[in-house]
Amino acid sequence: MPLYKTITVDNATKVLIWKIEESYEALSKNVELTSYCADRVNNMKSDLHRRGFMSIRHLLAEAGYGDGDLSYDDSGKPHLSDGKFISITHSFTFSGIIVSDKPVGIDIEKQRDKILKIAHKFTPIEEYKTLANEDAVKRKLTIVWCAKESIYKYVNIPGLLFLHHINVEDFNFEDQKTTARVNYHGKIEYFNIYFIEFDGFTCGYALPQK
């Protein structure tokens, strides 16, 4: 399947999402990988991970980049050769990137019951116990996780804890946005969080507040 969704966040920021329905062989056609990335994908044991990896290369092409324009630092954070900022995500049958003139972060997660069991590890679960049903709690927790994961990718600080250092303000589903605060070693930073839900998945992306 071609590009699933394009979101123009602002004049300098765009989100691209791919629904992975093709085989690895189909996704590999006409894609040139650097030797580093070729080694990475060849060492992946999961076919789904390999397909996700290649789908990202198609998203890069949609944004006007080739695999050679992408590099990774020692922490694994991706960088573009022209100085623009990029964040990358992949979950099961969806992948996504966000490209911007400013630092950004993105995350896609499948909405799964598992998140109800681990919620206490990343957010004060009491905040969501007033929701009408378990499905609503699952959806909301997934949004919170995506928000915190996208912020973590942006900040890229070892030791930053979802539960203790990142706070996401409560929100309504229909708003499709909220705000968040990072407080780490006395340094406070604020973010705008945007989210969408589709096909049982959630995508969240974080932009620093001006």
N, C-alpha and C. Protein backbone atom coordinates (compact mmCIF):
# COMPACT_ATOMS: atom_id res chain seq x y z
N MET A 1 0.85 -1.19 0.00
CA MET A 1 0.00 0.00 0.00
C MET A 1 0.89 1.24 0.00
N PRO A 2 0.49 2.27 -0.74
CA PRO A 2 1.28 3.52 -0.73
C PRO A 2 1.10 4.27 0.59
N LEU A 3 1.51 5.49 0.59
CA LEU A 3 1.43 6.34 1.77
C LEU A 3 0.01 6.32 2.36
N TYR A 4 -0.10 6.07 3.67
CA TYR A 4 -1.39 5.95 4.33
C TYR A 4 -1.95 7.29 4.75
N LYS A 5 -1.07 8.16 5.28
CA LYS A 5 -1.56 9.44 5.80
C LYS A 5 -0.44 10.46 5.80
N THR A 6 -0.77 11.68 5.42
CA THR A 6 0.15 12.81 5.50
C THR A 6 -0.50 13.90 6.34
N ILE A 7 0.24 14.41 7.31
CA ILE A 7 -0.27 15.48 8.18
C ILE A 7 0.70 16.65 8.11
N THR A 8 0.21 17.79 7.66
CA THR A 8 1.02 19.00 7.68
C THR A 8 0.75 19.72 8.99
N VAL A 9 1.71 19.63 9.91
CA VAL A 9 1.54 20.19 11.25
C VAL A 9 1.65 21.70 11.20
N ASP A 10 2.67 22.20 10.51
CA ASP A 10 2.84 23.62 10.27
C ASP A 10 3.72 23.77 9.03
N ASN A 11 4.13 24.99 8.72
CA ASN A 11 4.89 25.22 7.50
C ASN A 11 6.23 24.47 7.48
N ALA A 12 6.73 24.12 8.66
CA ALA A 12 8.06 23.51 8.74
C ALA A 12 8.03 22.05 9.18
N THR A 13 6.83 21.50 9.43
CA THR A 13 6.75 20.18 10.04
C THR A 13 5.71 19.30 9.34
N LYS A 14 6.11 18.08 8.99
CA LYS A 14 5.20 17.16 8.31
C LYS A 14 5.34 15.76 8.90
N VAL A 15 4.19 15.08 9.05
CA VAL A 15 4.13 13.70 9.51
C VAL A 15 3.71 12.82 8.34
N LEU A 16 4.42 11.70 8.14
CA LEU A 16 4.09 10.75 7.08
C LEU A 16 3.92 9.37 7.70
N ILE A 17 2.83 8.68 7.38
CA ILE A 17 2.53 7.37 7.95
C ILE A 17 2.31 6.35 6.83
N TRP A 18 2.89 5.16 6.99
CA TRP A 18 2.79 4.09 6.01
C TRP A 18 2.10 2.89 6.64
N LYS A 19 1.13 2.30 5.92
CA LYS A 19 0.53 1.05 6.35
C LYS A 19 1.24 -0.09 5.64
N ILE A 20 1.85 -0.98 6.42
CA ILE A 20 2.73 -1.99 5.85
C ILE A 20 1.93 -3.22 5.46
N GLU A 21 1.63 -3.33 4.17
CA GLU A 21 0.90 -4.48 3.64
C GLU A 21 1.73 -5.27 2.64
N GLU A 22 2.84 -4.69 2.18
CA GLU A 22 3.67 -5.33 1.17
C GLU A 22 4.62 -6.35 1.78
N SER A 23 5.13 -7.23 0.96
CA SER A 23 6.17 -8.15 1.39
C SER A 23 7.50 -7.41 1.49
N TYR A 24 8.46 -8.03 2.16
CA TYR A 24 9.79 -7.43 2.25
C TYR A 24 10.40 -7.26 0.87
N GLU A 25 10.19 -8.24 0.00
CA GLU A 25 10.74 -8.17 -1.35
C GLU A 25 10.15 -7.01 -2.13
N ALA A 26 8.85 -6.81 -1.99
CA ALA A 26 8.21 -5.70 -2.70
C ALA A 26 8.70 -4.36 -2.18
N LEU A 27 8.87 -4.25 -0.87
CA LEU A 27 9.34 -3.00 -0.28
C LEU A 27 10.80 -2.72 -0.62
N SER A 28 11.55 -3.77 -0.95
CA SER A 28 12.98 -3.61 -1.22
C SER A 28 13.28 -3.16 -2.64
N LYS A 29 12.30 -3.29 -3.53
CA LYS A 29 12.52 -2.93 -4.94
C LYS A 29 12.84 -1.44 -5.07
N ASN A 30 13.88 -1.17 -5.83
CA ASN A 30 14.29 0.21 -6.15
C ASN A 30 14.71 1.02 -4.93
N VAL A 31 15.06 0.35 -3.84
CA VAL A 31 15.55 1.04 -2.65
C VAL A 31 17.04 0.74 -2.49
N GLU A 32 17.85 1.77 -2.50
CA GLU A 32 19.29 1.62 -2.30
C GLU A 32 19.64 1.93 -0.85
N LEU A 33 20.26 0.96 -0.19
CA LEU A 33 20.65 1.12 1.21
C LEU A 33 22.14 1.36 1.34
N THR A 34 22.52 2.13 2.34
CA THR A 34 23.94 2.24 2.67
C THR A 34 24.39 0.88 3.21
N SER A 35 25.69 0.63 3.22
CA SER A 35 26.20 -0.64 3.72
C SER A 35 25.82 -0.83 5.18
N TYR A 36 25.81 0.27 5.94
CA TYR A 36 25.43 0.20 7.36
C TYR A 36 23.99 -0.28 7.51
N CYS A 37 23.07 0.32 6.75
CA CYS A 37 21.65 -0.04 6.85
C CYS A 37 21.38 -1.42 6.25
N ALA A 38 22.12 -1.78 5.20
CA ALA A 38 21.98 -3.11 4.63
C ALA A 38 22.35 -4.18 5.65
N ASP A 39 23.42 -3.93 6.40
CA ASP A 39 23.82 -4.87 7.46
C ASP A 39 22.76 -4.93 8.55
N ARG A 40 22.21 -3.77 8.89
CA ARG A 40 21.18 -3.73 9.94
C ARG A 40 19.98 -4.58 9.57
N VAL A 41 19.45 -4.37 8.37
CA VAL A 41 18.24 -5.07 7.99
C VAL A 41 18.50 -6.56 7.75
N ASN A 42 19.68 -6.89 7.27
CA ASN A 42 20.01 -8.30 7.04
C ASN A 42 20.16 -9.08 8.33
N ASN A 43 20.46 -8.38 9.41
CA ASN A 43 20.63 -9.03 10.71
C ASN A 43 19.33 -9.09 11.52
N MET A 44 18.26 -8.53 10.97
CA MET A 44 16.97 -8.59 11.66
C MET A 44 16.33 -9.96 11.44
N LYS A 45 15.92 -10.61 12.52
CA LYS A 45 15.32 -11.94 12.42
C LYS A 45 13.82 -11.88 12.14
N SER A 46 13.18 -10.80 12.55
CA SER A 46 11.73 -10.67 12.37
C SER A 46 11.40 -10.09 10.99
N ASP A 47 10.55 -10.79 10.25
CA ASP A 47 10.13 -10.29 8.95
C ASP A 47 9.37 -8.98 9.09
N LEU A 48 8.58 -8.84 10.16
CA LEU A 48 7.82 -7.62 10.37
C LEU A 48 8.75 -6.44 10.63
N HIS A 49 9.83 -6.67 11.37
CA HIS A 49 10.80 -5.60 11.61
C HIS A 49 11.52 -5.21 10.32
N ARG A 50 11.83 -6.20 9.51
CA ARG A 50 12.50 -5.91 8.24
C ARG A 50 11.59 -5.12 7.31
N ARG A 51 10.31 -5.48 7.28
CA ARG A 51 9.35 -4.75 6.46
C ARG A 51 9.15 -3.33 6.99
N GLY A 52 9.12 -3.20 8.32
CA GLY A 52 9.01 -1.88 8.91
C GLY A 52 10.20 -1.01 8.56
N PHE A 53 11.39 -1.58 8.62
CA PHE A 53 12.62 -0.87 8.29
C PHE A 53 12.57 -0.36 6.85
N MET A 54 12.14 -1.23 5.94
CA MET A 54 12.10 -0.83 4.53
C MET A 54 10.98 0.18 4.26
N SER A 55 9.88 0.08 4.97
CA SER A 55 8.79 1.04 4.77
C SER A 55 9.24 2.45 5.15
N ILE A 56 10.13 2.55 6.14
CA ILE A 56 10.67 3.86 6.52
C ILE A 56 11.43 4.47 5.34
N ARG A 57 12.12 3.64 4.56
CA ARG A 57 12.86 4.16 3.40
C ARG A 57 11.90 4.73 2.36
N HIS A 58 10.71 4.17 2.25
CA HIS A 58 9.70 4.73 1.35
C HIS A 58 9.16 6.05 1.88
N LEU A 59 9.02 6.15 3.19
CA LEU A 59 8.59 7.41 3.78
C LEU A 59 9.66 8.49 3.58
N LEU A 60 10.92 8.10 3.71
CA LEU A 60 12.00 9.04 3.45
C LEU A 60 11.92 9.56 2.02
N ALA A 61 11.65 8.65 1.08
CA ALA A 61 11.54 9.06 -0.33
C ALA A 61 10.38 10.03 -0.52
N GLU A 62 9.27 9.78 0.18
CA GLU A 62 8.12 10.68 0.10
C GLU A 62 8.49 12.08 0.60
N ALA A 63 9.42 12.13 1.55
CA ALA A 63 9.86 13.42 2.12
C ALA A 63 11.02 14.02 1.34
N GLY A 64 11.46 13.32 0.28
CA GLY A 64 12.53 13.86 -0.56
C GLY A 64 13.93 13.42 -0.17
N TYR A 65 14.05 12.31 0.58
CA TYR A 65 15.35 11.85 1.04
C TYR A 65 15.62 10.41 0.58
N GLY A 66 16.89 10.07 0.52
CA GLY A 66 17.31 8.70 0.30
C GLY A 66 17.92 8.14 1.56
N ASP A 67 18.20 6.84 1.55
CA ASP A 67 18.78 6.22 2.74
C ASP A 67 20.12 6.85 3.10
N GLY A 68 20.85 7.31 2.09
CA GLY A 68 22.14 7.93 2.33
C GLY A 68 22.06 9.27 3.03
N ASP A 69 20.86 9.86 3.06
CA ASP A 69 20.67 11.14 3.76
C ASP A 69 20.43 10.96 5.24
N LEU A 70 20.29 9.70 5.67
CA LEU A 70 19.97 9.40 7.06
C LEU A 70 21.19 8.79 7.75
N SER A 71 21.48 9.29 8.94
CA SER A 71 22.55 8.72 9.75
C SER A 71 22.08 8.62 11.19
N TYR A 72 22.83 7.87 11.99
CA TYR A 72 22.48 7.66 13.39
C TYR A 72 23.67 8.00 14.27
N ASP A 73 23.41 8.66 15.41
CA ASP A 73 24.50 8.94 16.33
C ASP A 73 24.70 7.74 17.25
N ASP A 74 25.60 7.88 18.22
CA ASP A 74 25.96 6.76 19.09
C ASP A 74 24.79 6.27 19.94
N SER A 75 23.81 7.14 20.19
CA SER A 75 22.64 6.74 20.98
C SER A 75 21.54 6.14 20.12
N GLY A 76 21.76 6.12 18.79
CA GLY A 76 20.76 5.57 17.88
C GLY A 76 19.77 6.59 17.36
N LYS A 77 19.95 7.85 17.72
CA LYS A 77 19.04 8.89 17.26
C LYS A 77 19.33 9.21 15.80
N PRO A 78 18.28 9.30 14.96
CA PRO A 78 18.49 9.57 13.53
C PRO A 78 18.71 11.05 13.24
N HIS A 79 19.48 11.31 12.19
CA HIS A 79 19.77 12.67 11.75
C HIS A 79 19.71 12.73 10.23
N LEU A 80 19.32 13.89 9.69
CA LEU A 80 19.28 14.11 8.25
C LEU A 80 20.48 14.94 7.81
N SER A 81 20.92 14.69 6.60
CA SER A 81 22.14 15.34 6.10
C SER A 81 21.97 16.83 5.88
N ASP A 82 20.73 17.30 5.66
CA ASP A 82 20.54 18.73 5.38
C ASP A 82 20.31 19.55 6.64
N GLY A 83 20.42 18.92 7.81
CA GLY A 83 20.28 19.66 9.06
C GLY A 83 18.87 19.70 9.61
N LYS A 84 17.88 19.22 8.84
CA LYS A 84 16.53 19.15 9.38
C LYS A 84 16.44 18.04 10.42
N PHE A 85 15.40 18.09 11.23
CA PHE A 85 15.24 17.12 12.31
C PHE A 85 14.25 16.04 11.89
N ILE A 86 14.51 14.82 12.33
CA ILE A 86 13.65 13.69 12.00
C ILE A 86 13.48 12.78 13.21
N SER A 87 12.30 12.20 13.34
CA SER A 87 12.05 11.16 14.32
C SER A 87 11.32 10.03 13.60
N ILE A 88 11.58 8.80 14.02
CA ILE A 88 11.11 7.62 13.30
C ILE A 88 10.40 6.67 14.27
N THR A 89 9.34 6.00 13.80
CA THR A 89 8.64 5.04 14.63
C THR A 89 8.09 3.90 13.79
N HIS A 90 7.94 2.74 14.42
CA HIS A 90 7.37 1.56 13.74
C HIS A 90 6.69 0.69 14.79
N SER A 91 5.46 0.29 14.49
CA SER A 91 4.72 -0.61 15.38
C SER A 91 3.86 -1.56 14.54
N PHE A 92 4.21 -2.83 14.55
CA PHE A 92 3.46 -3.85 13.83
C PHE A 92 3.29 -3.46 12.35
N THR A 93 2.08 -3.08 11.94
CA THR A 93 1.82 -2.84 10.52
C THR A 93 1.78 -1.36 10.15
N PHE A 94 2.29 -0.50 11.00
CA PHE A 94 2.37 0.92 10.67
C PHE A 94 3.76 1.45 11.00
N SER A 95 4.22 2.38 10.18
CA SER A 95 5.46 3.10 10.45
C SER A 95 5.22 4.57 10.18
N GLY A 96 6.08 5.41 10.74
CA GLY A 96 5.88 6.84 10.56
C GLY A 96 7.17 7.62 10.76
N ILE A 97 7.21 8.79 10.17
CA ILE A 97 8.31 9.73 10.41
C ILE A 97 7.72 11.12 10.58
N ILE A 98 8.45 11.97 11.28
CA ILE A 98 8.13 13.38 11.35
C ILE A 98 9.40 14.13 10.99
N VAL A 99 9.29 15.09 10.09
CA VAL A 99 10.43 15.88 9.63
C VAL A 99 10.10 17.35 9.88
N SER A 100 11.09 18.09 10.41
CA SER A 100 10.82 19.47 10.79
C SER A 100 12.10 20.29 10.80
N ASP A 101 11.93 21.61 10.80
CA ASP A 101 13.06 22.51 10.97
C ASP A 101 13.49 22.61 12.43
N LYS A 102 12.65 22.07 13.32
CA LYS A 102 12.96 22.12 14.76
C LYS A 102 12.93 20.71 15.32
N PRO A 103 13.56 20.49 16.48
CA PRO A 103 13.55 19.15 17.07
C PRO A 103 12.13 18.65 17.32
N VAL A 104 11.91 17.36 17.07
CA VAL A 104 10.58 16.76 17.17
C VAL A 104 10.72 15.30 17.62
N GLY A 105 9.60 14.70 17.98
CA GLY A 105 9.57 13.28 18.32
C GLY A 105 8.24 12.68 17.92
N ILE A 106 8.23 11.39 17.57
CA ILE A 106 7.00 10.72 17.14
C ILE A 106 6.98 9.29 17.65
N ASP A 107 5.78 8.77 17.89
CA ASP A 107 5.63 7.37 18.28
C ASP A 107 4.30 6.84 17.79
N ILE A 108 4.29 5.60 17.32
CA ILE A 108 3.07 4.88 16.97
C ILE A 108 3.01 3.63 17.82
N GLU A 109 1.83 3.36 18.39
CA GLU A 109 1.64 2.17 19.22
C GLU A 109 0.32 1.50 18.87
N LYS A 110 0.32 0.19 18.91
CA LYS A 110 -0.91 -0.57 18.78
C LYS A 110 -1.67 -0.51 20.09
N GLN A 111 -2.96 -0.31 20.03
CA GLN A 111 -3.78 -0.25 21.24
C GLN A 111 -4.01 -1.68 21.75
N ARG A 112 -3.31 -2.03 22.85
CA ARG A 112 -3.37 -3.39 23.37
C ARG A 112 -3.74 -3.41 24.85
N ASP A 113 -4.36 -4.49 25.28
CA ASP A 113 -4.75 -4.63 26.69
C ASP A 113 -3.53 -4.63 27.61
N LYS A 114 -2.38 -5.00 27.07
CA LYS A 114 -1.16 -5.07 27.87
C LYS A 114 -0.86 -3.76 28.59
N ILE A 115 -1.26 -2.65 27.97
CA ILE A 115 -0.92 -1.35 28.55
C ILE A 115 -1.61 -1.13 29.89
N LEU A 116 -2.74 -1.81 30.12
CA LEU A 116 -3.44 -1.69 31.40
C LEU A 116 -2.60 -2.27 32.54
N LYS A 117 -1.79 -3.28 32.21
CA LYS A 117 -0.98 -3.95 33.23
C LYS A 117 0.30 -3.19 33.56
N ILE A 118 0.79 -2.39 32.61
CA ILE A 118 2.06 -1.69 32.84
C ILE A 118 1.87 -0.20 33.10
N ALA A 119 0.62 0.25 33.13
CA ALA A 119 0.33 1.69 33.25
C ALA A 119 0.99 2.31 34.47
N HIS A 120 1.02 1.58 35.58
CA HIS A 120 1.57 2.13 36.83
C HIS A 120 3.06 2.45 36.71
N LYS A 121 3.71 1.89 35.69
CA LYS A 121 5.14 2.11 35.51
C LYS A 121 5.46 3.43 34.79
N PHE A 122 4.43 4.01 34.12
CA PHE A 122 4.73 5.22 33.36
C PHE A 122 3.78 6.39 33.60
N THR A 123 2.69 6.20 34.36
CA THR A 123 1.78 7.32 34.61
C THR A 123 0.95 7.04 35.86
N PRO A 124 0.51 8.07 36.58
CA PRO A 124 -0.39 7.87 37.73
C PRO A 124 -1.75 7.35 37.25
N ILE A 125 -1.97 6.06 37.34
CA ILE A 125 -3.15 5.42 36.77
C ILE A 125 -4.45 5.93 37.39
N GLU A 126 -4.39 6.48 38.60
CA GLU A 126 -5.61 6.97 39.26
C GLU A 126 -6.31 8.03 38.41
N GLU A 127 -5.55 8.74 37.60
CA GLU A 127 -6.12 9.81 36.79
C GLU A 127 -7.12 9.29 35.77
N TYR A 128 -7.03 8.02 35.43
CA TYR A 128 -7.85 7.50 34.32
C TYR A 128 -8.89 6.48 34.77
N LYS A 129 -9.00 6.26 36.08
CA LYS A 129 -9.96 5.29 36.58
C LYS A 129 -11.39 5.78 36.52
N THR A 130 -11.58 7.07 36.27
CA THR A 130 -12.94 7.62 36.20
C THR A 130 -13.56 7.46 34.82
N LEU A 131 -12.79 6.96 33.86
CA LEU A 131 -13.32 6.79 32.50
C LEU A 131 -14.39 5.70 32.50
N ALA A 132 -15.29 5.81 31.53
CA ALA A 132 -16.50 4.98 31.53
C ALA A 132 -16.22 3.49 31.37
N ASN A 133 -15.23 3.11 30.59
CA ASN A 133 -14.99 1.69 30.36
C ASN A 133 -13.52 1.41 30.10
N GLU A 134 -13.19 0.14 30.13
CA GLU A 134 -11.79 -0.27 30.00
C GLU A 134 -11.20 0.10 28.65
N ASP A 135 -12.02 0.06 27.60
CA ASP A 135 -11.52 0.42 26.28
C ASP A 135 -11.08 1.88 26.24
N ALA A 136 -11.86 2.75 26.87
CA ALA A 136 -11.49 4.17 26.92
C ALA A 136 -10.19 4.36 27.71
N VAL A 137 -10.03 3.60 28.79
CA VAL A 137 -8.80 3.68 29.57
C VAL A 137 -7.62 3.24 28.71
N LYS A 138 -7.78 2.15 27.98
CA LYS A 138 -6.72 1.64 27.11
C LYS A 138 -6.33 2.67 26.06
N ARG A 139 -7.32 3.29 25.45
CA ARG A 139 -7.04 4.32 24.44
C ARG A 139 -6.29 5.49 25.04
N LYS A 140 -6.74 5.93 26.21
CA LYS A 140 -6.12 7.10 26.83
C LYS A 140 -4.69 6.80 27.27
N LEU A 141 -4.48 5.63 27.85
CA LEU A 141 -3.14 5.25 28.27
C LEU A 141 -2.20 5.13 27.08
N THR A 142 -2.71 4.65 25.97
CA THR A 142 -1.87 4.54 24.78
C THR A 142 -1.46 5.91 24.27
N ILE A 143 -2.37 6.86 24.34
CA ILE A 143 -2.04 8.23 23.95
C ILE A 143 -0.96 8.80 24.87
N VAL A 144 -1.13 8.57 26.17
CA VAL A 144 -0.14 9.06 27.14
C VAL A 144 1.22 8.44 26.88
N TRP A 145 1.24 7.14 26.60
CA TRP A 145 2.51 6.48 26.30
C TRP A 145 3.15 7.08 25.05
N CYS A 146 2.36 7.27 23.99
CA CYS A 146 2.89 7.86 22.75
C CYS A 146 3.45 9.25 23.01
N ALA A 147 2.75 10.02 23.83
CA ALA A 147 3.22 11.37 24.16
C ALA A 147 4.57 11.31 24.86
N LYS A 148 4.68 10.44 25.85
CA LYS A 148 5.92 10.36 26.62
C LYS A 148 7.05 9.77 25.79
N GLU A 149 6.75 8.79 24.97
CA GLU A 149 7.79 8.20 24.12
C GLU A 149 8.29 9.20 23.09
N SER A 150 7.39 9.97 22.51
CA SER A 150 7.81 10.98 21.52
C SER A 150 8.66 12.06 22.18
N ILE A 151 8.33 12.44 23.42
CA ILE A 151 9.14 13.41 24.16
C ILE A 151 10.51 12.81 24.47
N TYR A 152 10.52 11.55 24.87
CA TYR A 152 11.79 10.90 25.18
C TYR A 152 12.72 10.89 23.96
N LYS A 153 12.16 10.62 22.79
CA LYS A 153 12.96 10.64 21.57
C LYS A 153 13.49 12.04 21.30
N TYR A 154 12.69 13.04 21.59
CA TYR A 154 13.12 14.43 21.39
C TYR A 154 14.25 14.79 22.36
N VAL A 155 14.02 14.51 23.64
CA VAL A 155 14.98 14.91 24.67
C VAL A 155 16.26 14.08 24.59
N ASN A 156 16.10 12.76 24.43
CA ASN A 156 17.23 11.85 24.24
C ASN A 156 18.24 11.94 25.40
N ILE A 157 17.70 11.86 26.64
CA ILE A 157 18.54 11.93 27.83
C ILE A 157 18.48 10.60 28.58
N PRO A 158 19.59 9.87 28.68
CA PRO A 158 19.59 8.64 29.48
C PRO A 158 19.22 8.95 30.92
N GLY A 159 18.38 8.10 31.49
CA GLY A 159 17.97 8.31 32.87
C GLY A 159 16.65 9.05 33.03
N LEU A 160 16.13 9.60 31.94
CA LEU A 160 14.83 10.27 32.00
C LEU A 160 13.74 9.21 32.19
N LEU A 161 12.91 9.36 33.22
CA LEU A 161 11.89 8.37 33.54
C LEU A 161 10.50 8.88 33.19
N PHE A 162 9.73 8.05 32.50
CA PHE A 162 8.38 8.41 32.10
C PHE A 162 7.52 8.79 33.30
N LEU A 163 7.60 8.00 34.36
CA LEU A 163 6.72 8.18 35.51
C LEU A 163 7.08 9.42 36.32
N HIS A 164 8.35 9.66 36.52
CA HIS A 164 8.78 10.71 37.45
C HIS A 164 9.13 12.04 36.79
N HIS A 165 9.50 12.03 35.53
CA HIS A 165 10.03 13.25 34.92
C HIS A 165 9.15 13.84 33.81
N ILE A 166 8.18 13.08 33.30
CA ILE A 166 7.33 13.58 32.21
C ILE A 166 5.87 13.57 32.66
N ASN A 167 5.22 14.72 32.61
CA ASN A 167 3.82 14.83 32.99
C ASN A 167 2.99 15.27 31.79
N VAL A 168 1.97 14.50 31.46
CA VAL A 168 1.06 14.82 30.36
C VAL A 168 -0.25 15.33 30.94
N GLU A 169 -0.66 16.51 30.52
CA GLU A 169 -1.92 17.09 30.99
C GLU A 169 -3.10 16.28 30.48
N ASP A 170 -4.15 16.20 31.30
CA ASP A 170 -5.35 15.46 30.90
C ASP A 170 -5.97 16.11 29.66
N PHE A 171 -6.74 15.33 28.93
CA PHE A 171 -7.26 15.79 27.63
C PHE A 171 -8.54 15.05 27.29
N ASN A 172 -9.26 15.58 26.33
CA ASN A 172 -10.42 14.90 25.75
C ASN A 172 -10.01 14.28 24.42
N PHE A 173 -10.56 13.12 24.11
CA PHE A 173 -10.20 12.44 22.87
C PHE A 173 -10.43 13.32 21.65
N GLU A 174 -11.56 14.03 21.65
CA GLU A 174 -11.91 14.81 20.46
C GLU A 174 -10.97 15.99 20.22
N ASP A 175 -10.24 16.42 21.24
CA ASP A 175 -9.32 17.55 21.07
C ASP A 175 -8.11 17.18 20.21
N GLN A 176 -7.70 15.93 20.29
CA GLN A 176 -6.54 15.42 19.54
C GLN A 176 -5.25 16.19 19.84
N LYS A 177 -5.19 16.78 21.01
CA LYS A 177 -3.97 17.48 21.42
C LYS A 177 -3.98 17.70 22.92
N THR A 178 -2.79 17.90 23.47
CA THR A 178 -2.65 18.24 24.88
C THR A 178 -1.27 18.89 25.06
N THR A 179 -0.86 19.07 26.28
CA THR A 179 0.47 19.61 26.56
C THR A 179 1.17 18.69 27.55
N ALA A 180 2.47 18.84 27.65
CA ALA A 180 3.25 18.02 28.56
C ALA A 180 4.42 18.83 29.11
N ARG A 181 4.94 18.37 30.24
CA ARG A 181 6.05 19.05 30.88
C ARG A 181 7.12 18.04 31.27
N VAL A 182 8.37 18.38 30.99
CA VAL A 182 9.50 17.57 31.45
C VAL A 182 10.22 18.35 32.55
N ASN A 183 10.41 17.71 33.67
CA ASN A 183 11.16 18.31 34.77
C ASN A 183 12.26 17.34 35.15
N TYR A 184 13.48 17.65 34.72
CA TYR A 184 14.61 16.74 34.93
C TYR A 184 15.79 17.51 35.48
N HIS A 185 16.17 17.17 36.71
CA HIS A 185 17.30 17.81 37.39
C HIS A 185 17.15 19.34 37.41
N GLY A 186 15.92 19.79 37.65
CA GLY A 186 15.67 21.22 37.78
C GLY A 186 15.43 21.95 36.48
N LYS A 187 15.64 21.28 35.34
CA LYS A 187 15.38 21.91 34.05
C LYS A 187 13.97 21.55 33.60
N ILE A 188 13.16 22.58 33.33
CA ILE A 188 11.77 22.37 32.92
C ILE A 188 11.58 22.75 31.46
N GLU A 189 10.91 21.88 30.71
CA GLU A 189 10.65 22.13 29.29
C GLU A 189 9.21 21.74 28.99
N TYR A 190 8.55 22.53 28.15
CA TYR A 190 7.14 22.32 27.83
C TYR A 190 6.97 21.91 26.37
N PHE A 191 5.94 21.06 26.13
CA PHE A 191 5.71 20.52 24.79
C PHE A 191 4.23 20.59 24.42
N ASN A 192 3.98 20.75 23.15
CA ASN A 192 2.65 20.53 22.59
C ASN A 192 2.60 19.11 22.05
N ILE A 193 1.56 18.38 22.41
CA ILE A 193 1.39 17.00 22.00
C ILE A 193 0.16 16.90 21.09
N TYR A 194 0.32 16.22 19.96
CA TYR A 194 -0.79 15.98 19.05
C TYR A 194 -0.94 14.47 18.86
N PHE A 195 -2.18 14.01 18.70
CA PHE A 195 -2.38 12.57 18.53
C PHE A 195 -3.54 12.28 17.60
N ILE A 196 -3.46 11.13 16.95
CA ILE A 196 -4.54 10.63 16.11
C ILE A 196 -4.67 9.13 16.35
N GLU A 197 -5.88 8.60 16.10
CA GLU A 197 -6.13 7.16 16.25
C GLU A 197 -6.66 6.62 14.92
N PHE A 198 -6.19 5.42 14.56
CA PHE A 198 -6.62 4.81 13.29
C PHE A 198 -6.37 3.31 13.33
N ASP A 199 -7.33 2.53 12.86
CA ASP A 199 -7.17 1.08 12.70
C ASP A 199 -6.64 0.38 13.95
N GLY A 200 -7.05 0.85 15.14
CA GLY A 200 -6.58 0.23 16.37
C GLY A 200 -5.18 0.64 16.78
N PHE A 201 -4.68 1.71 16.19
CA PHE A 201 -3.35 2.24 16.52
C PHE A 201 -3.48 3.69 16.96
N THR A 202 -2.45 4.18 17.65
CA THR A 202 -2.36 5.57 18.06
C THR A 202 -1.02 6.14 17.62
N CYS A 203 -1.05 7.34 17.10
CA CYS A 203 0.17 8.06 16.76
C CYS A 203 0.19 9.36 17.55
N GLY A 204 1.31 9.61 18.22
CA GLY A 204 1.48 10.86 18.94
C GLY A 204 2.79 11.51 18.54
N TYR A 205 2.80 12.83 18.49
CA TYR A 205 4.05 13.52 18.17
C TYR A 205 4.17 14.78 19.02
N ALA A 206 5.42 15.10 19.35
CA ALA A 206 5.72 16.17 20.29
C ALA A 206 6.53 17.27 19.63
N LEU A 207 6.11 18.52 19.89
CA LEU A 207 6.84 19.69 19.42
C LEU A 207 7.09 20.60 20.62
N PRO A 208 8.27 21.18 20.71
CA PRO A 208 8.54 22.08 21.84
C PRO A 208 7.68 23.33 21.76
N GLN A 209 7.22 23.80 22.89
CA GLN A 209 6.47 25.06 22.92
C GLN A 209 7.44 26.22 22.68
N LYS A 210 6.95 27.22 22.00
CA LYS A 210 7.79 28.38 21.69
C LYS A 210 8.02 29.21 22.96
